[in-house]
Each structure stands twice: as structure tokens, then as C-alpha cells.
Amino acid sequence: MCICVNCRHVQNCTTYQLIKYKHQQKRHVNHVNIDTNFFIPKETLMNINIIYSQYVHHTYFDWDLIECLSFVEMPGYWTI
């Protein structure tokens, strides 16, 4: 699970925007603007799960941020 959803910086974080863009790519949505965000977190660690679907013969990537030194806990801030 991505820790970004409970971080104070989620609204303007470049790393979160990248993860959001990657999640939308599998849905074929290409309108996320990464350039409008200005917060660059320090020392992030991403987890990328590779999921292969045998039924449709397609590989999916699930991107999650699991560690970030800039993380400031603020539960539910991403919904504001």
C-alpha cells in the first residue's frame, strides 16, 4: 500500500504524481500533469509489483511508495 495517502505533501508531491500517472496508464488515461507540482521528496523507496494475468496475457505493474524521509503523517489528507 502506498504511504502517500496519509502524507501532508500528497497534494503537491512529484513522486505521488508519478505513481498516480503510472496507475492511470493501465487504465489508458494520459492527462496527469506532473509539471504543476513542486515538492520533491527526499530518499524515497518504491515497490513495483509485477502482475501477470494468464487470462488476458498481459502484464501489469502496481506502483507503491513504501518509504520516504519527507513523509509527514496527516491521515486522509489526499481526500481534501
PDB file of N, CA and C in Angstrom:
ATOM      1  N   MET A   1       0.836  -1.174   0.000  1.00  0.00           N
ATOM      2  CA  MET A   1       0.000   0.000   0.000  1.00  0.00           C
ATOM      3  C   MET A   1       0.885   1.243   0.000  1.00  0.00           C
ATOM      4  N   CYS A   2       0.496   2.225  -0.763  1.00  0.00           N
ATOM      5  CA  CYS A   2       1.247   3.469  -0.880  1.00  0.00           C
ATOM      6  C   CYS A   2       1.035   4.332   0.367  1.00  0.00           C
ATOM      7  N   ILE A   3       2.130   4.805   0.967  1.00  0.00           N
ATOM      8  CA  ILE A   3       2.024   5.632   2.169  1.00  0.00           C
ATOM      9  C   ILE A   3       1.610   7.065   1.851  1.00  0.00           C
ATOM     10  N   CYS A   4       1.603   7.437   0.588  1.00  0.00           N
ATOM     11  CA  CYS A   4       1.305   8.816   0.177  1.00  0.00           C
ATOM     12  C   CYS A   4      -0.069   9.298   0.631  1.00  0.00           C
ATOM     13  N   VAL A   5      -1.037   8.416   0.699  1.00  0.00           N
ATOM     14  CA  VAL A   5      -2.403   8.837   1.015  1.00  0.00           C
ATOM     15  C   VAL A   5      -2.519   9.438   2.411  1.00  0.00           C
ATOM     16  N   ASN A   6      -1.556   9.179   3.283  1.00  0.00           N
ATOM     17  CA  ASN A   6      -1.586   9.734   4.636  1.00  0.00           C
ATOM     18  C   ASN A   6      -0.483  10.762   4.877  1.00  0.00           C
ATOM     19  N   CYS A   7       0.016  11.375   3.816  1.00  0.00           N
ATOM     20  CA  CYS A   7       1.100  12.348   3.940  1.00  0.00           C
ATOM     21  C   CYS A   7       0.601  13.769   3.683  1.00  0.00           C
ATOM     22  N   ARG A   8       1.162  14.703   4.417  1.00  0.00           N
ATOM     23  CA  ARG A   8       0.803  16.112   4.284  1.00  0.00           C
ATOM     24  C   ARG A   8       1.185  16.678   2.915  1.00  0.00           C
ATOM     25  N   HIS A   9       2.167  16.104   2.251  1.00  0.00           N
ATOM     26  CA  HIS A   9       2.677  16.625   0.986  1.00  0.00           C
ATOM     27  C   HIS A   9       2.016  16.008  -0.249  1.00  0.00           C
ATOM     28  N   VAL A  10       1.035  15.155  -0.074  1.00  0.00           N
ATOM     29  CA  VAL A  10       0.464  14.397  -1.188  1.00  0.00           C
ATOM     30  C   VAL A  10      -0.108  15.291  -2.292  1.00  0.00           C
ATOM     31  N   GLN A  11      -0.627  16.448  -1.953  1.00  0.00           N
ATOM     32  CA  GLN A  11      -1.276  17.312  -2.946  1.00  0.00           C
ATOM     33  C   GLN A  11      -0.295  17.892  -3.961  1.00  0.00           C
ATOM     34  N   ASN A  12       0.970  18.085  -3.580  1.00  0.00           N
ATOM     35  CA  ASN A  12       1.925  18.712  -4.493  1.00  0.00           C
ATOM     36  C   ASN A  12       3.245  17.950  -4.608  1.00  0.00           C
ATOM     37  N   CYS A  13       3.218  16.661  -4.393  1.00  0.00           N
ATOM     38  CA  CYS A  13       4.416  15.821  -4.421  1.00  0.00           C
ATOM     39  C   CYS A  13       4.645  15.237  -5.819  1.00  0.00           C
ATOM     40  N   THR A  14       5.841  15.430  -6.350  1.00  0.00           N
ATOM     41  CA  THR A  14       6.151  14.922  -7.689  1.00  0.00           C
ATOM     42  C   THR A  14       6.174  13.396  -7.728  1.00  0.00           C
ATOM     43  N   THR A  15       6.642  12.765  -6.670  1.00  0.00           N
ATOM     44  CA  THR A  15       6.681  11.299  -6.642  1.00  0.00           C
ATOM     45  C   THR A  15       5.275  10.719  -6.635  1.00  0.00           C
ATOM     46  N   TYR A  16       4.377  11.308  -5.853  1.00  0.00           N
ATOM     47  CA  TYR A  16       2.994  10.831  -5.837  1.00  0.00           C
ATOM     48  C   TYR A  16       2.342  11.020  -7.209  1.00  0.00           C
ATOM     49  N   GLN A  17       2.618  12.133  -7.869  1.00  0.00           N
ATOM     50  CA  GLN A  17       2.054  12.366  -9.199  1.00  0.00           C
ATOM     51  C   GLN A  17       2.564  11.328 -10.196  1.00  0.00           C
ATOM     52  N   LEU A  18       3.825  10.924 -10.067  1.00  0.00           N
ATOM     53  CA  LEU A  18       4.371   9.872 -10.921  1.00  0.00           C
ATOM     54  C   LEU A  18       3.647   8.551 -10.681  1.00  0.00           C
ATOM     55  N   ILE A  19       3.449   8.196  -9.417  1.00  0.00           N
ATOM     56  CA  ILE A  19       2.745   6.953  -9.083  1.00  0.00           C
ATOM     57  C   ILE A  19       1.307   7.002  -9.591  1.00  0.00           C
ATOM     58  N   LYS A  20       0.656   8.130  -9.405  1.00  0.00           N
ATOM     59  CA  LYS A  20      -0.714   8.309  -9.885  1.00  0.00           C
ATOM     60  C   LYS A  20      -0.774   8.155 -11.408  1.00  0.00           C
ATOM     61  N   TYR A  21       0.198   8.726 -12.099  1.00  0.00           N
ATOM     62  CA  TYR A  21       0.279   8.612 -13.555  1.00  0.00           C
ATOM     63  C   TYR A  21       0.462   7.155 -13.974  1.00  0.00           C
ATOM     64  N   LYS A  22       1.335   6.447 -13.300  1.00  0.00           N
ATOM     65  CA  LYS A  22       1.579   5.038 -13.624  1.00  0.00           C
ATOM     66  C   LYS A  22       0.337   4.185 -13.372  1.00  0.00           C
ATOM     67  N   HIS A  23      -0.414   4.469 -12.313  1.00  0.00           N
ATOM     68  CA  HIS A  23      -1.657   3.736 -12.060  1.00  0.00           C
ATOM     69  C   HIS A  23      -2.684   4.022 -13.148  1.00  0.00           C
ATOM     70  N   GLN A  24      -2.745   5.245 -13.645  1.00  0.00           N
ATOM     71  CA  GLN A  24      -3.714   5.601 -14.673  1.00  0.00           C
ATOM     72  C   GLN A  24      -3.311   5.078 -16.039  1.00  0.00           C
ATOM     73  N   GLN A  25      -2.027   4.802 -16.251  1.00  0.00           N
ATOM     74  CA  GLN A  25      -1.574   4.260 -17.528  1.00  0.00           C
ATOM     75  C   GLN A  25      -2.233   2.923 -17.825  1.00  0.00           C
ATOM     76  N   LYS A  26      -2.415   2.100 -16.801  1.00  0.00           N
ATOM     77  CA  LYS A  26      -3.036   0.799 -17.047  1.00  0.00           C
ATOM     78  C   LYS A  26      -4.520   0.931 -17.366  1.00  0.00           C
ATOM     79  N   ARG A  27      -5.083   2.106 -17.076  1.00  0.00           N
ATOM     80  CA  ARG A  27      -6.469   2.373 -17.454  1.00  0.00           C
ATOM     81  C   ARG A  27      -6.534   3.202 -18.739  1.00  0.00           C
ATOM     82  N   HIS A  28      -5.386   3.444 -19.344  1.00  0.00           N
ATOM     83  CA  HIS A  28      -5.267   4.207 -20.591  1.00  0.00           C
ATOM     84  C   HIS A  28      -5.733   5.651 -20.440  1.00  0.00           C
ATOM     85  N   VAL A  29      -5.412   6.271 -19.311  1.00  0.00           N
ATOM     86  CA  VAL A  29      -5.707   7.690 -19.084  1.00  0.00           C
ATOM     87  C   VAL A  29      -4.374   8.427 -19.100  1.00  0.00           C
ATOM     88  N   ASN A  30      -4.253   9.454 -19.922  1.00  0.00           N
ATOM     89  CA  ASN A  30      -2.974  10.136 -20.072  1.00  0.00           C
ATOM     90  C   ASN A  30      -3.068  11.637 -19.861  1.00  0.00           C
ATOM     91  N   HIS A  31      -3.780  12.101 -18.861  1.00  0.00           N
ATOM     92  CA  HIS A  31      -3.916  13.541 -18.677  1.00  0.00           C
ATOM     93  C   HIS A  31      -3.414  14.050 -17.323  1.00  0.00           C
ATOM     94  N   VAL A  32      -2.472  13.373 -16.709  1.00  0.00           N
ATOM     95  CA  VAL A  32      -1.903  13.838 -15.449  1.00  0.00           C
ATOM     96  C   VAL A  32      -0.752  14.786 -15.768  1.00  0.00           C
ATOM     97  N   ASN A  33      -0.761  15.959 -15.151  1.00  0.00           N
ATOM     98  CA  ASN A  33       0.274  16.954 -15.400  1.00  0.00           C
ATOM     99  C   ASN A  33       1.257  16.977 -14.235  1.00  0.00           C
ATOM    100  N   ILE A  34       2.418  16.399 -14.422  1.00  0.00           N
ATOM    101  CA  ILE A  34       3.422  16.331 -13.370  1.00  0.00           C
ATOM    102  C   ILE A  34       4.116  17.683 -13.190  1.00  0.00           C
ATOM    103  N   ASP A  35       4.162  18.516 -14.214  1.00  0.00           N
ATOM    104  CA  ASP A  35       4.879  19.788 -14.166  1.00  0.00           C
ATOM    105  C   ASP A  35       4.296  20.795 -13.183  1.00  0.00           C
ATOM    106  N   THR A  36       3.030  20.692 -12.820  1.00  0.00           N
ATOM    107  CA  THR A  36       2.412  21.672 -11.938  1.00  0.00           C
ATOM    108  C   THR A  36       2.752  21.447 -10.473  1.00  0.00           C
ATOM    109  N   ASN A  37       3.394  20.361 -10.146  1.00  0.00           N
ATOM    110  CA  ASN A  37       3.736  20.052  -8.760  1.00  0.00           C
ATOM    111  C   ASN A  37       5.173  20.458  -8.478  1.00  0.00           C
ATOM    112  N   PHE A  38       5.438  20.836  -7.241  1.00  0.00           N
ATOM    113  CA  PHE A  38       6.744  21.395  -6.951  1.00  0.00           C
ATOM    114  C   PHE A  38       7.470  20.765  -5.775  1.00  0.00           C
ATOM    115  N   PHE A  39       6.840  19.894  -5.015  1.00  0.00           N
ATOM    116  CA  PHE A  39       7.501  19.288  -3.865  1.00  0.00           C
ATOM    117  C   PHE A  39       8.253  18.034  -4.297  1.00  0.00           C
ATOM    118  N   ILE A  40       9.554  18.000  -4.038  1.00  0.00           N
ATOM    119  CA  ILE A  40      10.376  16.839  -4.382  1.00  0.00           C
ATOM    120  C   ILE A  40      10.827  16.177  -3.078  1.00  0.00           C
ATOM    121  N   PRO A  41      10.296  15.001  -2.771  1.00  0.00           N
ATOM    122  CA  PRO A  41      10.634  14.331  -1.514  1.00  0.00           C
ATOM    123  C   PRO A  41      12.060  13.791  -1.513  1.00  0.00           C
ATOM    124  N   LYS A  42      12.563  13.556  -0.326  1.00  0.00           N
ATOM    125  CA  LYS A  42      13.928  13.053  -0.166  1.00  0.00           C
ATOM    126  C   LYS A  42      13.928  11.555   0.131  1.00  0.00           C
ATOM    127  N   GLU A  43      14.837  10.870  -0.515  1.00  0.00           N
ATOM    128  CA  GLU A  43      15.110   9.453  -0.293  1.00  0.00           C
ATOM    129  C   GLU A  43      13.853   8.594  -0.222  1.00  0.00           C
ATOM    130  N   THR A  44      13.237   8.436  -1.353  1.00  0.00           N
ATOM    131  CA  THR A  44      12.031   7.615  -1.436  1.00  0.00           C
ATOM    132  C   THR A  44      12.388   6.192  -1.854  1.00  0.00           C
ATOM    133  N   LEU A  45      11.545   5.267  -1.470  1.00  0.00           N
ATOM    134  CA  LEU A  45      11.715   3.868  -1.840  1.00  0.00           C
ATOM    135  C   LEU A  45      10.394   3.370  -2.406  1.00  0.00           C
ATOM    136  N   MET A  46      10.428   2.948  -3.666  1.00  0.00           N
ATOM    137  CA  MET A  46       9.217   2.464  -4.332  1.00  0.00           C
ATOM    138  C   MET A  46       9.223   0.951  -4.413  1.00  0.00           C
ATOM    139  N   ASN A  47       8.031   0.400  -4.345  1.00  0.00           N
ATOM    140  CA  ASN A  47       7.829  -1.026  -4.540  1.00  0.00           C
ATOM    141  C   ASN A  47       6.985  -1.185  -5.800  1.00  0.00           C
ATOM    142  N   ILE A  48       7.489  -1.928  -6.762  1.00  0.00           N
ATOM    143  CA  ILE A  48       6.757  -2.144  -8.004  1.00  0.00           C
ATOM    144  C   ILE A  48       6.451  -3.633  -8.114  1.00  0.00           C
ATOM    145  N   ASN A  49       5.174  -3.969  -7.991  1.00  0.00           N
ATOM    146  CA  ASN A  49       4.738  -5.363  -8.118  1.00  0.00           C
ATOM    147  C   ASN A  49       4.422  -5.650  -9.571  1.00  0.00           C
ATOM    148  N   ILE A  50       4.912  -6.760 -10.060  1.00  0.00           N
ATOM    149  CA  ILE A  50       4.650  -7.180 -11.435  1.00  0.00           C
ATOM    150  C   ILE A  50       3.586  -8.267 -11.385  1.00  0.00           C
ATOM    151  N   ILE A  51       2.468  -8.004 -12.053  1.00  0.00           N
ATOM    152  CA  ILE A  51       1.325  -8.918 -12.021  1.00  0.00           C
ATOM    153  C   ILE A  51       1.054  -9.397 -13.442  1.00  0.00           C
ATOM    154  N   TYR A  52       1.108 -10.700 -13.628  1.00  0.00           N
ATOM    155  CA  TYR A  52       0.832 -11.262 -14.946  1.00  0.00           C
ATOM    156  C   TYR A  52      -0.535 -11.933 -14.930  1.00  0.00           C
ATOM    157  N   SER A  53      -1.390 -11.529 -15.844  1.00  0.00           N
ATOM    158  CA  SER A  53      -2.721 -12.118 -15.962  1.00  0.00           C
ATOM    159  C   SER A  53      -2.695 -13.189 -17.052  1.00  0.00           C
ATOM    160  N   GLN A  54      -2.911 -14.429 -16.660  1.00  0.00           N
ATOM    161  CA  GLN A  54      -2.882 -15.531 -17.622  1.00  0.00           C
ATOM    162  C   GLN A  54      -4.077 -15.496 -18.561  1.00  0.00           C
ATOM    163  N   TYR A  55      -5.177 -14.926 -18.089  1.00  0.00           N
ATOM    164  CA  TYR A  55      -6.402 -14.943 -18.883  1.00  0.00           C
ATOM    165  C   TYR A  55      -6.352 -13.978 -20.060  1.00  0.00           C
ATOM    166  N   VAL A  56      -5.759 -12.826 -19.864  1.00  0.00           N
ATOM    167  CA  VAL A  56      -5.681 -11.849 -20.957  1.00  0.00           C
ATOM    168  C   VAL A  56      -4.259 -11.712 -21.488  1.00  0.00           C
ATOM    169  N   HIS A  57      -3.343 -12.493 -20.949  1.00  0.00           N
ATOM    170  CA  HIS A  57      -1.941 -12.483 -21.366  1.00  0.00           C
ATOM    171  C   HIS A  57      -1.368 -11.071 -21.366  1.00  0.00           C
ATOM    172  N   HIS A  58      -1.474 -10.442 -20.231  1.00  0.00           N
ATOM    173  CA  HIS A  58      -0.991  -9.074 -20.103  1.00  0.00           C
ATOM    174  C   HIS A  58      -0.277  -8.911 -18.762  1.00  0.00           C
ATOM    175  N   THR A  59       0.754  -8.089 -18.740  1.00  0.00           N
ATOM    176  CA  THR A  59       1.496  -7.812 -17.519  1.00  0.00           C
ATOM    177  C   THR A  59       1.140  -6.425 -17.007  1.00  0.00           C
ATOM    178  N   TYR A  60       0.837  -6.323 -15.717  1.00  0.00           N
ATOM    179  CA  TYR A  60       0.515  -5.050 -15.075  1.00  0.00           C
ATOM    180  C   TYR A  60       1.581  -4.730 -14.031  1.00  0.00           C
ATOM    181  N   PHE A  61       1.800  -3.454 -13.808  1.00  0.00           N
ATOM    182  CA  PHE A  61       2.727  -3.005 -12.780  1.00  0.00           C
ATOM    183  C   PHE A  61       1.952  -2.201 -11.748  1.00  0.00           C
ATOM    184  N   ASP A  62       2.118  -2.550 -10.472  1.00  0.00           N
ATOM    185  CA  ASP A  62       1.467  -1.823  -9.385  1.00  0.00           C
ATOM    186  C   ASP A  62       2.541  -1.055  -8.622  1.00  0.00           C
ATOM    187  N   TRP A  63       2.469   0.269  -8.670  1.00  0.00           N
ATOM    188  CA  TRP A  63       3.472   1.147  -8.079  1.00  0.00           C
ATOM    189  C   TRP A  63       3.028   1.608  -6.700  1.00  0.00           C
ATOM    190  N   ASP A  64       3.889   1.472  -5.696  1.00  0.00           N
ATOM    191  CA  ASP A  64       3.602   1.931  -4.340  1.00  0.00           C
ATOM    192  C   ASP A  64       4.857   2.555  -3.734  1.00  0.00           C
ATOM    193  N   LEU A  65       4.672   3.651  -3.038  1.00  0.00           N
ATOM    194  CA  LEU A  65       5.758   4.255  -2.280  1.00  0.00           C
ATOM    195  C   LEU A  65       5.701   3.660  -0.878  1.00  0.00           C
ATOM    196  N   ILE A  66       6.795   3.039  -0.442  1.00  0.00           N
ATOM    197  CA  ILE A  66       6.766   2.370   0.856  1.00  0.00           C
ATOM    198  C   ILE A  66       7.638   3.063   1.898  1.00  0.00           C
ATOM    199  N   GLU A  67       8.514   3.981   1.452  1.00  0.00           N
ATOM    200  CA  GLU A  67       9.355   4.707   2.395  1.00  0.00           C
ATOM    201  C   GLU A  67       9.729   6.064   1.817  1.00  0.00           C
ATOM    202  N   CYS A  68       9.714   7.088   2.681  1.00  0.00           N
ATOM    203  CA  CYS A  68      10.031   8.446   2.244  1.00  0.00           C
ATOM    204  C   CYS A  68      10.472   9.251   3.465  1.00  0.00           C
ATOM    205  N   LEU A  69      11.642   9.859   3.395  1.00  0.00           N
ATOM    206  CA  LEU A  69      12.126  10.646   4.530  1.00  0.00           C
ATOM    207  C   LEU A  69      11.375  11.965   4.684  1.00  0.00           C
ATOM    208  N   SER A  70      10.664  12.395   3.665  1.00  0.00           N
ATOM    209  CA  SER A  70       9.884  13.631   3.732  1.00  0.00           C
ATOM    210  C   SER A  70       8.464  13.398   4.232  1.00  0.00           C
ATOM    211  N   PHE A  71       8.126  12.164   4.560  1.00  0.00           N
ATOM    212  CA  PHE A  71       6.772  11.822   4.987  1.00  0.00           C
ATOM    213  C   PHE A  71       6.403  12.544   6.282  1.00  0.00           C
ATOM    214  N   VAL A  72       5.260  13.239   6.261  1.00  0.00           N
ATOM    215  CA  VAL A  72       4.699  13.892   7.445  1.00  0.00           C
ATOM    216  C   VAL A  72       3.271  13.384   7.570  1.00  0.00           C
ATOM    217  N   GLU A  73       3.007  12.616   8.621  1.00  0.00           N
ATOM    218  CA  GLU A  73       1.706  11.955   8.739  1.00  0.00           C
ATOM    219  C   GLU A  73       0.561  12.949   8.929  1.00  0.00           C
ATOM    220  N   MET A  74      -0.436  12.783   8.072  1.00  0.00           N
ATOM    221  CA  MET A  74      -1.676  13.545   8.156  1.00  0.00           C
ATOM    222  C   MET A  74      -2.753  12.659   7.528  1.00  0.00           C
ATOM    223  N   PRO A  75      -3.324  11.733   8.297  1.00  0.00           N
ATOM    224  CA  PRO A  75      -4.266  10.749   7.761  1.00  0.00           C
ATOM    225  C   PRO A  75      -5.431  11.377   6.997  1.00  0.00           C
ATOM    226  N   GLY A  76      -5.684  10.829   5.806  1.00  0.00           N
ATOM    227  CA  GLY A  76      -6.822  11.254   4.998  1.00  0.00           C
ATOM    228  C   GLY A  76      -6.628  12.548   4.238  1.00  0.00           C
ATOM    229  N   TYR A  77      -5.418  13.125   4.223  1.00  0.00           N
ATOM    230  CA  TYR A  77      -5.193  14.418   3.567  1.00  0.00           C
ATOM    231  C   TYR A  77      -5.420  14.356   2.058  1.00  0.00           C
ATOM    232  N   TRP A  78      -5.211  13.201   1.439  1.00  0.00           N
ATOM    233  CA  TRP A  78      -5.377  13.068  -0.012  1.00  0.00           C
ATOM    234  C   TRP A  78      -6.822  13.260  -0.447  1.00  0.00           C
ATOM    235  N   THR A  79      -7.780  13.136   0.459  1.00  0.00           N
ATOM    236  CA  THR A  79      -9.192  13.300   0.100  1.00  0.00           C
ATOM    237  C   THR A  79      -9.643  14.750   0.153  1.00  0.00           C
ATOM    238  N   ILE A  80      -8.838  15.625   0.725  1.00  0.00           N
ATOM    239  CA  ILE A  80      -9.225  17.039   0.867  1.00  0.00           C
ATOM    240  C   ILE A  80      -9.075  17.761  -0.450  1.00  0.00           C
TER     241      ILE A  80
END
